[in-house]
Amino acid sequence: MNIKHKYERQLISRMLSDKQAYSLNSDIIRPELFTKYREVAETYIELVANGKHPGLTKIITLLPAYEEDIIRMSSNVDYEVPVEDLVSELEEHSRMQVLGEAITTSAYQKTSEERIKTLTDAIMSFHEKQKTTYRTGYEIGLDMIKEMQSTQKTGVPTGFGFLDKLTGGLQPSDLVIVAAETSQGKTSLALNIAHTAARLKHPVAFISLEMSSKQLIGRIVSSEVNRSKKEVETDYALAEQGVSELKELPFYVADVTNNSTQHIAGLIRAAHLRYGIKVAFIDYLQLMGDKSKQSREQEIGQTARTLKNVAKELNINVVALSQLRRPSHGGNHFPSLSRLRDSGQVEEAADVVLFVYRPEMYGISEYEDQDTNGLAQLIIAKGRNYGVGKFFVEFQAETTTFIDRDYRGVTGNNPPLTKVEGKLPF
């Protein structure tokens, strides 16, 4: 007899002979554990749920086809093996079966991304079906304290002190939306953060639906040698110096030919499996989508939710860039959550919404008592679990680089760091 079926028979026999066997382990005994005797398990569990006594006679009456097996089970009960061990063995066999089926199914997929998705979906199903257990409030509280203490260590640094202090860096399973109007520097900021992370040996993937991989790396090289893009393009030695600096960086760029949401999600999964990425950057959200009958708002909302699910599934951070709607004629260009382009559902899916605002781009010469030449403000408009805030940085147009200022306000330009609950009043 199949070894898994032996464990099934033994667990069924324990449930039928000992009323407490199921009651004390109802949190871990599920019908999905069984294959050959699943109908017996489902019937037993349903009777209990309905407040009825699932005795031997009752089960046989309801399932006459299993009469011989049930009688044999009830006469061959091994009380020496803990119920938890029987469940554990069945869990392991179930996992192996699911994984085996996934491997077989993946062999028929057309692309590597589809094969990877099939396998990762199977692996994630293991985690989703883990047993639910009770823990004391004290134990959970200790975990909360440990998490608070390790926040700085678990997040991937962005290179911006105020943001890193507030959020602990780019946290696993978070979806971060970086939004601004056109030409404010969204891509530059994302590249700056990705570059910082890679230099600190945190593997990152950058998926651009707008710029080519050579254009992206050109910007990184310009930033690396602190020279303008034009200088780098006309100086072979300078370009070679900058490129050589990238040799040891875990920075991966994908040339994208398919902008469907599922394809992008597949690229992220592949990068995670192949390179162990901690952060995936997508430039930008409104260029993703699938041909469907949904409205544009529904489509973008679904795309944002898919990216959030991928972040949770892989336990990585996903940073997606997003356009802001232009204000009505004569309106204020200052960014706001209501202007997230195409969908308010983007805000709902995001854990962090970060705006980029450069007042000089709108002919403003002075902003909050400062000269706006090269001035940029980064605004954390939503910080689920973190709070909100805003701080100034400098923008070097020649190298398309954002440069941090002292977040503690030593320069007099940034506020002292304080966590503000809720949302900013805009």
Protein backbone atom coordinates (compact mmCIF):
# COMPACT_ATOMS: atom_id res chain seq x y z
CA MET A 1 0.00 0.00 0.00
CA ASN A 2 1.10 3.56 -0.72
CA ILE A 3 2.91 4.94 2.39
CA LYS A 4 0.80 8.11 2.29
CA HIS A 5 -2.37 6.03 2.33
CA LYS A 6 -1.09 4.21 5.42
CA TYR A 7 -0.72 7.52 7.23
CA GLU A 8 -4.20 8.51 6.08
CA ARG A 9 -5.71 5.27 7.41
CA GLN A 10 -3.94 5.68 10.74
CA LEU A 11 -5.12 9.27 11.16
CA ILE A 12 -8.71 8.37 10.24
CA SER A 13 -8.63 5.46 12.70
CA ARG A 14 -7.42 7.80 15.49
CA MET A 15 -10.22 10.27 14.71
CA LEU A 16 -12.86 7.52 14.76
CA SER A 17 -11.64 5.84 17.93
CA ASP A 18 -10.72 8.90 20.01
CA LYS A 19 -13.09 11.87 20.15
CA GLN A 20 -10.31 14.13 21.40
CA ALA A 21 -7.91 13.32 18.55
CA TYR A 22 -9.70 15.65 16.15
CA SER A 23 -10.95 18.21 18.68
CA LEU A 24 -7.45 18.92 19.97
CA ASN A 25 -5.95 19.07 16.47
CA SER A 26 -8.75 20.59 14.41
CA ASP A 27 -6.50 23.52 13.53
CA ILE A 28 -4.10 21.27 11.60
CA ILE A 29 -6.31 18.43 10.30
CA ARG A 30 -7.70 19.51 6.93
CA PRO A 31 -9.41 17.53 4.14
CA GLU A 32 -6.63 18.65 1.76
CA LEU A 33 -4.21 16.34 3.61
CA PHE A 34 -6.04 13.29 2.32
CA THR A 35 -6.23 11.78 -1.15
CA LYS A 36 -7.58 8.19 -1.00
CA TYR A 37 -9.72 8.85 2.11
CA ARG A 38 -10.56 12.49 1.54
CA GLU A 39 -14.30 11.81 1.34
CA VAL A 40 -14.18 10.09 4.73
CA ALA A 41 -12.28 13.02 6.27
CA GLU A 42 -14.64 15.60 4.74
CA THR A 43 -17.71 13.72 6.02
CA TYR A 44 -16.23 13.42 9.51
CA ILE A 45 -15.29 17.11 9.69
CA GLU A 46 -18.68 18.21 8.33
CA LEU A 47 -20.51 16.16 10.98
CA VAL A 48 -18.44 17.74 13.74
CA ALA A 49 -19.07 21.21 12.32
CA ASN A 50 -22.80 20.53 12.41
CA GLY A 51 -22.66 19.40 16.03
CA LYS A 52 -23.28 15.73 15.26
CA HIS A 53 -21.39 12.76 16.64
CA PRO A 54 -19.28 11.17 13.89
CA GLY A 55 -19.32 7.63 15.28
CA LEU A 56 -18.26 4.50 13.40
CA THR A 57 -21.83 3.46 12.56
CA LYS A 58 -22.76 6.95 11.34
CA ILE A 59 -19.76 7.17 8.99
CA ILE A 60 -20.39 3.70 7.54
CA THR A 61 -24.06 4.53 7.01
CA LEU A 62 -23.15 7.68 5.09
CA LEU A 63 -20.26 6.07 3.19
CA PRO A 64 -21.12 2.38 2.61
CA ALA A 65 -18.47 2.08 -0.09
CA TYR A 66 -15.78 2.55 2.59
CA GLU A 67 -17.30 0.08 5.09
CA GLU A 68 -14.59 -2.57 4.76
CA ASP A 69 -11.76 -0.04 5.02
CA ILE A 70 -13.34 1.75 7.99
CA ILE A 71 -13.84 -1.49 9.94
CA ARG A 72 -10.25 -2.50 9.24
CA MET A 73 -9.00 0.93 10.37
CA SER A 74 -10.96 0.79 13.64
CA SER A 75 -9.45 -2.58 14.53
CA ASN A 76 -5.88 -1.51 13.86
CA VAL A 77 -5.26 1.68 15.84
CA ASP A 78 -1.73 2.66 16.86
CA TYR A 79 -1.95 5.05 19.83
CA GLU A 80 1.83 5.31 20.14
CA VAL A 81 2.22 7.70 17.22
CA PRO A 82 1.28 11.32 18.08
CA VAL A 83 -1.46 12.81 15.90
CA GLU A 84 0.83 15.77 15.18
CA ASP A 85 3.40 13.41 13.65
CA LEU A 86 0.79 11.80 11.41
CA VAL A 87 -0.33 15.24 10.20
CA SER A 88 3.28 16.30 9.63
CA GLU A 89 3.95 13.24 7.47
CA LEU A 90 0.80 13.89 5.42
CA GLU A 91 1.78 17.56 5.03
CA GLU A 92 5.17 16.54 3.65
CA HIS A 93 3.67 14.05 1.21
CA SER A 94 1.16 16.67 0.05
CA ARG A 95 3.94 19.18 -0.58
CA MET A 96 5.94 16.68 -2.61
CA GLN A 97 2.86 15.80 -4.63
CA VAL A 98 2.03 19.44 -5.39
CA LEU A 99 5.64 20.18 -6.33
CA GLY A 100 5.82 17.11 -8.56
CA GLU A 101 2.64 18.14 -10.36
CA ALA A 102 3.97 21.69 -10.77
CA ILE A 103 7.22 20.41 -12.30
CA THR A 104 5.24 18.30 -14.76
CA THR A 105 2.93 21.21 -15.62
CA SER A 106 5.82 23.67 -16.04
CA ALA A 107 7.41 21.42 -18.66
CA TYR A 108 4.53 22.24 -20.99
CA GLN A 109 4.82 26.02 -20.59
CA LYS A 110 6.07 27.99 -23.58
CA THR A 111 8.37 30.49 -21.85
CA SER A 112 10.81 30.38 -18.94
CA GLU A 113 8.78 33.08 -17.15
CA GLU A 114 5.65 30.91 -17.32
CA ARG A 115 7.58 27.91 -16.00
CA ILE A 116 9.02 29.94 -13.15
CA LYS A 117 5.57 31.30 -12.27
CA THR A 118 4.11 27.77 -12.17
CA LEU A 119 6.84 26.61 -9.79
CA THR A 120 6.76 29.72 -7.56
CA ASP A 121 2.96 29.53 -7.33
CA ALA A 122 3.30 25.93 -6.11
CA ILE A 123 5.96 26.87 -3.58
CA MET A 124 3.90 29.80 -2.27
CA SER A 125 0.88 27.54 -1.84
CA PHE A 126 2.90 25.60 0.76
CA HIS A 127 3.28 28.74 2.87
CA GLU A 128 -0.33 29.82 2.46
CA LYS A 129 -1.57 26.47 3.76
CA GLN A 130 0.61 26.39 6.85
CA LYS A 131 -1.31 25.49 9.98
CA THR A 132 -2.70 28.28 12.12
CA THR A 133 -1.54 28.14 15.73
CA TYR A 134 -2.30 30.14 18.83
CA ARG A 135 0.41 32.20 20.50
CA THR A 136 0.33 34.26 23.65
CA GLY A 137 0.08 38.03 23.46
CA TYR A 138 3.46 38.20 25.21
CA GLU A 139 5.14 36.11 22.49
CA ILE A 140 3.65 38.29 19.75
CA GLY A 141 4.71 41.41 21.64
CA LEU A 142 8.31 40.20 21.83
CA ASP A 143 8.26 39.63 18.08
CA MET A 144 7.02 43.19 17.60
CA ILE A 145 9.92 44.54 19.64
CA LYS A 146 12.41 42.45 17.69
CA GLU A 147 10.93 43.72 14.46
CA MET A 148 11.22 47.32 15.65
CA GLN A 149 14.84 46.75 16.64
CA SER A 150 15.73 45.12 13.33
CA THR A 151 13.87 47.50 11.00
CA GLN A 152 17.07 49.37 10.15
CA LYS A 153 18.80 46.10 9.32
CA THR A 154 16.09 44.47 7.25
CA GLY A 155 15.38 47.39 4.94
CA VAL A 156 17.45 48.21 1.86
CA PRO A 157 18.96 51.72 2.30
CA THR A 158 17.82 54.38 -0.18
CA GLY A 159 20.70 56.79 0.45
CA PHE A 160 18.31 59.45 1.80
CA GLY A 161 18.68 59.77 5.56
CA PHE A 162 15.23 61.16 6.33
CA LEU A 163 13.47 58.42 4.34
CA ASP A 164 15.67 55.63 5.72
CA LYS A 165 15.17 56.80 9.29
CA LEU A 166 11.40 57.02 8.87
CA THR A 167 10.86 53.68 7.11
CA GLY A 168 14.03 51.74 7.90
CA GLY A 169 14.76 51.64 4.17
CA LEU A 170 12.91 49.70 1.49
CA GLN A 171 11.15 46.99 3.46
CA PRO A 172 10.39 43.44 2.24
CA SER A 173 6.83 42.87 0.91
CA ASP A 174 6.19 46.63 0.51
CA LEU A 175 4.99 48.30 -2.68
CA VAL A 176 6.47 51.79 -3.03
CA ILE A 177 5.00 54.23 -5.55
CA VAL A 178 7.28 57.06 -6.70
CA ALA A 179 5.06 59.62 -8.41
CA ALA A 180 5.47 63.00 -10.06
CA GLU A 181 4.51 64.99 -13.11
CA THR A 182 6.57 64.57 -16.28
CA SER A 183 10.23 65.70 -16.17
CA GLN A 184 10.45 65.95 -12.38
CA GLY A 185 13.11 63.21 -12.17
CA LYS A 186 11.23 60.03 -11.20
CA THR A 187 13.52 57.78 -13.22
CA SER A 188 16.63 59.57 -11.94
CA LEU A 189 15.52 59.15 -8.33
CA ALA A 190 14.76 55.48 -8.85
CA LEU A 191 18.16 54.94 -10.48
CA ASN A 192 19.88 56.80 -7.62
CA ILE A 193 18.19 54.53 -5.06
CA ALA A 194 18.90 51.39 -7.10
CA HIS A 195 22.54 52.44 -7.52
CA THR A 196 22.91 53.04 -3.77
CA ALA A 197 21.40 49.66 -2.95
CA ALA A 198 23.64 47.84 -5.44
CA ARG A 199 26.76 49.56 -4.12
CA LEU A 200 25.83 48.24 -0.69
CA LYS A 201 25.58 44.75 -2.25
CA HIS A 202 21.79 44.49 -2.22
CA PRO A 203 20.84 42.89 -5.58
CA VAL A 204 18.33 44.98 -7.55
CA ALA A 205 16.49 44.64 -10.85
CA PHE A 206 15.48 47.61 -12.98
CA ILE A 207 12.72 47.05 -15.53
CA SER A 208 12.20 50.02 -17.83
CA LEU A 209 9.32 50.22 -20.28
CA GLU A 210 10.38 53.64 -21.50
CA MET A 211 14.17 53.92 -21.68
CA SER A 212 16.60 51.42 -23.20
CA SER A 213 19.04 49.55 -20.99
CA LYS A 214 21.96 51.52 -22.53
CA GLN A 215 20.29 54.83 -21.70
CA LEU A 216 19.77 53.71 -18.10
CA ILE A 217 23.34 52.53 -17.66
CA GLY A 218 24.55 55.72 -19.30
CA ARG A 219 22.92 57.66 -16.48
CA ILE A 220 24.42 55.36 -13.86
CA VAL A 221 27.89 55.77 -15.37
CA SER A 222 27.48 59.55 -15.43
CA SER A 223 26.57 59.46 -11.74
CA GLU A 224 29.42 57.05 -10.94
CA VAL A 225 32.12 59.38 -12.33
CA ASN A 226 30.20 62.58 -11.40
CA ARG A 227 30.39 63.94 -14.92
CA SER A 228 27.70 65.01 -17.35
CA LYS A 229 26.27 62.47 -19.76
CA LYS A 230 27.67 64.48 -22.67
CA GLU A 231 31.20 64.34 -21.23
CA VAL A 232 30.97 60.60 -20.71
CA GLU A 233 29.71 60.02 -24.25
CA THR A 234 32.66 61.91 -25.75
CA ASP A 235 35.45 60.64 -23.48
CA TYR A 236 36.29 56.95 -23.95
CA ALA A 237 38.59 56.79 -20.90
CA LEU A 238 35.95 58.38 -18.68
CA ALA A 239 33.27 56.00 -19.94
CA GLU A 240 35.57 53.02 -19.40
CA GLN A 241 36.31 54.17 -15.85
CA GLY A 242 32.61 54.48 -15.05
CA VAL A 243 31.70 51.14 -16.59
CA SER A 244 34.52 49.37 -14.70
CA GLU A 245 32.97 50.60 -11.44
CA LEU A 246 29.82 48.62 -12.27
CA LYS A 247 31.65 45.31 -12.59
CA GLU A 248 31.01 44.10 -9.04
CA LEU A 249 27.56 45.66 -8.59
CA PRO A 250 24.53 43.30 -8.37
CA PHE A 251 22.54 45.57 -10.68
CA TYR A 252 20.39 43.86 -13.32
CA VAL A 253 18.52 45.58 -16.14
CA ALA A 254 15.88 43.93 -18.33
CA ASP A 255 15.21 44.85 -21.94
CA VAL A 256 11.43 44.61 -22.11
CA THR A 257 9.55 43.67 -25.27
CA ASN A 258 6.26 42.76 -23.61
CA ASN A 259 4.57 45.20 -21.25
CA SER A 260 1.84 42.85 -19.98
CA THR A 261 1.44 42.76 -16.22
CA GLN A 262 1.97 38.99 -16.04
CA HIS A 263 5.16 39.22 -18.14
CA ILE A 264 6.60 41.92 -15.86
CA ALA A 265 5.64 39.85 -12.80
CA GLY A 266 7.40 36.89 -14.43
CA LEU A 267 10.55 38.96 -14.97
CA ILE A 268 10.57 39.91 -11.29
CA ARG A 269 10.14 36.27 -10.22
CA ALA A 270 12.94 35.19 -12.55
CA ALA A 271 15.30 37.87 -11.20
CA HIS A 272 14.50 36.81 -7.64
CA LEU A 273 15.21 33.15 -8.35
CA ARG A 274 18.34 33.75 -10.46
CA TYR A 275 19.95 36.69 -8.68
CA GLY A 276 18.26 36.91 -5.27
CA ILE A 277 17.11 40.49 -5.82
CA LYS A 278 15.89 42.47 -2.81
CA VAL A 279 14.25 45.29 -4.79
CA ALA A 280 12.57 45.46 -8.20
CA PHE A 281 12.07 48.82 -9.93
CA ILE A 282 9.46 49.32 -12.68
CA ASP A 283 9.48 52.43 -14.86
CA TYR A 284 6.63 53.04 -15.14
CA LEU A 285 3.18 51.87 -13.98
CA GLN A 286 1.03 53.46 -16.71
CA LEU A 287 3.00 51.67 -19.44
CA MET A 288 2.03 48.28 -18.00
CA GLY A 289 -1.27 46.58 -18.64
CA ASP A 290 -3.18 43.79 -20.33
CA LYS A 291 -5.65 43.93 -23.16
CA SER A 292 -8.95 43.54 -21.40
CA LYS A 293 -12.45 44.93 -21.25
CA GLN A 294 -11.69 46.66 -17.95
CA SER A 295 -11.62 50.43 -17.72
CA ARG A 296 -8.19 52.05 -17.60
CA GLU A 297 -8.72 52.81 -13.90
CA GLN A 298 -9.55 49.17 -13.13
CA GLU A 299 -6.62 47.97 -15.22
CA ILE A 300 -4.05 50.18 -13.47
CA GLY A 301 -5.56 49.29 -10.11
CA GLN A 302 -5.24 45.59 -10.89
CA THR A 303 -1.65 46.10 -12.06
CA ALA A 304 -0.76 47.83 -8.77
CA ARG A 305 -2.37 45.01 -6.78
CA THR A 306 -0.44 42.42 -8.81
CA LEU A 307 2.84 44.17 -8.02
CA LYS A 308 1.91 44.28 -4.34
CA ASN A 309 1.12 40.55 -4.41
CA VAL A 310 4.48 39.81 -6.07
CA ALA A 311 6.24 41.81 -3.34
CA LYS A 312 4.47 39.75 -0.66
CA GLU A 313 4.96 36.46 -2.49
CA LEU A 314 8.73 36.91 -2.92
CA ASN A 315 9.23 38.96 0.27
CA ILE A 316 11.01 41.71 -1.64
CA ASN A 317 10.41 45.42 -2.13
CA VAL A 318 8.83 46.60 -5.38
CA VAL A 319 9.21 50.23 -6.45
CA ALA A 320 6.88 51.34 -9.24
CA LEU A 321 7.06 54.77 -10.83
CA SER A 322 3.79 56.53 -11.63
CA GLN A 323 2.67 59.63 -13.48
CA LEU A 324 0.58 62.31 -11.82
CA ARG A 325 -2.32 63.92 -13.65
CA ARG A 326 -1.62 67.50 -14.60
CA PRO A 327 -3.77 69.98 -12.64
CA SER A 328 -6.60 71.77 -14.36
CA HIS A 329 -5.70 74.98 -16.20
CA GLY A 330 -4.04 77.34 -13.76
CA GLY A 331 -4.11 74.76 -10.96
CA ASN A 332 -1.44 74.08 -8.35
CA HIS A 333 1.33 71.71 -9.51
CA PHE A 334 2.13 70.61 -5.95
CA PRO A 335 1.63 66.79 -5.92
CA SER A 336 -1.28 65.18 -4.13
CA LEU A 337 -2.69 61.67 -3.67
CA SER A 338 -5.84 62.61 -5.58
CA ARG A 339 -3.74 63.14 -8.70
CA LEU A 340 -2.29 59.64 -8.96
CA ARG A 341 -2.92 59.08 -12.63
CA ASP A 342 -5.64 56.73 -13.90
CA SER A 343 -6.54 55.15 -10.58
CA GLY A 344 -7.16 55.93 -6.92
CA GLN A 345 -6.67 52.19 -6.41
CA VAL A 346 -2.92 52.73 -6.78
CA GLU A 347 -2.86 54.53 -3.43
CA GLU A 348 -4.82 51.69 -1.81
CA ALA A 349 -2.34 49.05 -3.00
CA ALA A 350 0.75 51.06 -2.02
CA ASP A 351 2.49 50.88 1.34
CA VAL A 352 4.48 54.02 0.61
CA VAL A 353 3.73 56.87 -1.80
CA LEU A 354 6.69 59.17 -2.45
CA PHE A 355 6.27 62.35 -4.49
CA VAL A 356 9.01 64.31 -6.30
CA TYR A 357 8.51 68.07 -6.55
CA ARG A 358 10.91 70.53 -8.21
CA PRO A 359 9.41 74.04 -7.99
CA GLU A 360 11.94 75.57 -10.38
CA MET A 361 10.32 73.57 -13.20
CA TYR A 362 7.23 75.78 -12.82
CA GLY A 363 9.04 79.12 -12.83
CA ILE A 364 9.04 79.41 -9.02
CA SER A 365 12.24 81.16 -7.90
CA GLU A 366 11.69 80.92 -4.13
CA TYR A 367 9.99 78.10 -2.21
CA GLU A 368 9.70 77.84 1.56
CA ASP A 369 12.32 80.60 1.95
CA GLN A 370 14.82 78.83 -0.31
CA ASP A 371 16.30 79.48 -3.74
CA THR A 372 14.79 76.84 -6.01
CA ASN A 373 17.82 76.45 -8.30
CA GLY A 374 18.60 72.72 -8.06
CA LEU A 375 16.09 72.32 -5.23
CA ALA A 376 13.85 69.27 -4.97
CA GLN A 377 11.45 68.16 -2.30
CA LEU A 378 10.65 64.51 -1.62
CA ILE A 379 7.27 64.04 0.02
CA ILE A 380 6.19 60.87 1.81
CA ALA A 381 2.45 61.32 1.33
CA LYS A 382 1.56 57.84 2.54
CA GLY A 383 3.56 55.61 4.83
CA ARG A 384 1.56 52.63 5.99
CA ASN A 385 3.10 51.67 9.35
CA TYR A 386 5.67 54.49 9.01
CA GLY A 387 3.98 57.88 9.00
CA VAL A 388 4.46 60.77 6.59
CA GLY A 389 6.83 63.69 6.12
CA LYS A 390 8.80 65.73 3.60
CA PHE A 391 12.40 66.79 3.13
CA PHE A 392 14.65 68.67 0.71
CA VAL A 393 17.35 67.24 -1.53
CA GLU A 394 19.50 68.75 -4.25
CA PHE A 395 19.17 67.84 -7.90
CA GLN A 396 22.20 67.97 -10.19
CA ALA A 397 20.81 68.29 -13.69
CA GLU A 398 24.09 67.51 -15.48
CA THR A 399 24.43 64.09 -13.88
CA THR A 400 20.67 63.64 -13.23
CA THR A 401 21.48 62.88 -9.60
CA PHE A 402 19.59 63.62 -6.40
CA ILE A 403 21.89 64.41 -3.47
CA ASP A 404 20.85 64.01 0.15
CA ARG A 405 20.92 66.78 2.73
CA ASP A 406 21.36 66.17 6.44
CA TYR A 407 17.95 64.88 7.50
CA ARG A 408 18.42 66.10 11.06
CA GLY A 409 18.17 69.68 9.90
CA VAL A 410 21.78 70.69 10.63
CA THR A 411 21.78 72.69 7.39
CA GLY A 412 18.61 74.45 8.46
CA ASN A 413 16.79 73.21 5.34
CA ASN A 414 15.23 70.00 6.58
CA PRO A 415 12.94 69.47 9.57
CA PRO A 416 13.99 67.27 12.50
CA LEU A 417 12.72 63.75 11.93
CA THR A 418 9.34 63.10 13.51
CA LYS A 419 6.87 60.36 12.66
CA VAL A 420 3.50 61.81 11.72
CA GLU A 421 0.54 59.43 11.77
CA GLY A 422 -2.05 59.57 9.02
CA LYS A 423 -1.66 61.66 5.88
CA LEU A 424 -0.28 65.07 5.08
CA PRO A 425 -2.95 67.76 4.64
CA PHE A 426 -2.89 67.94 0.82
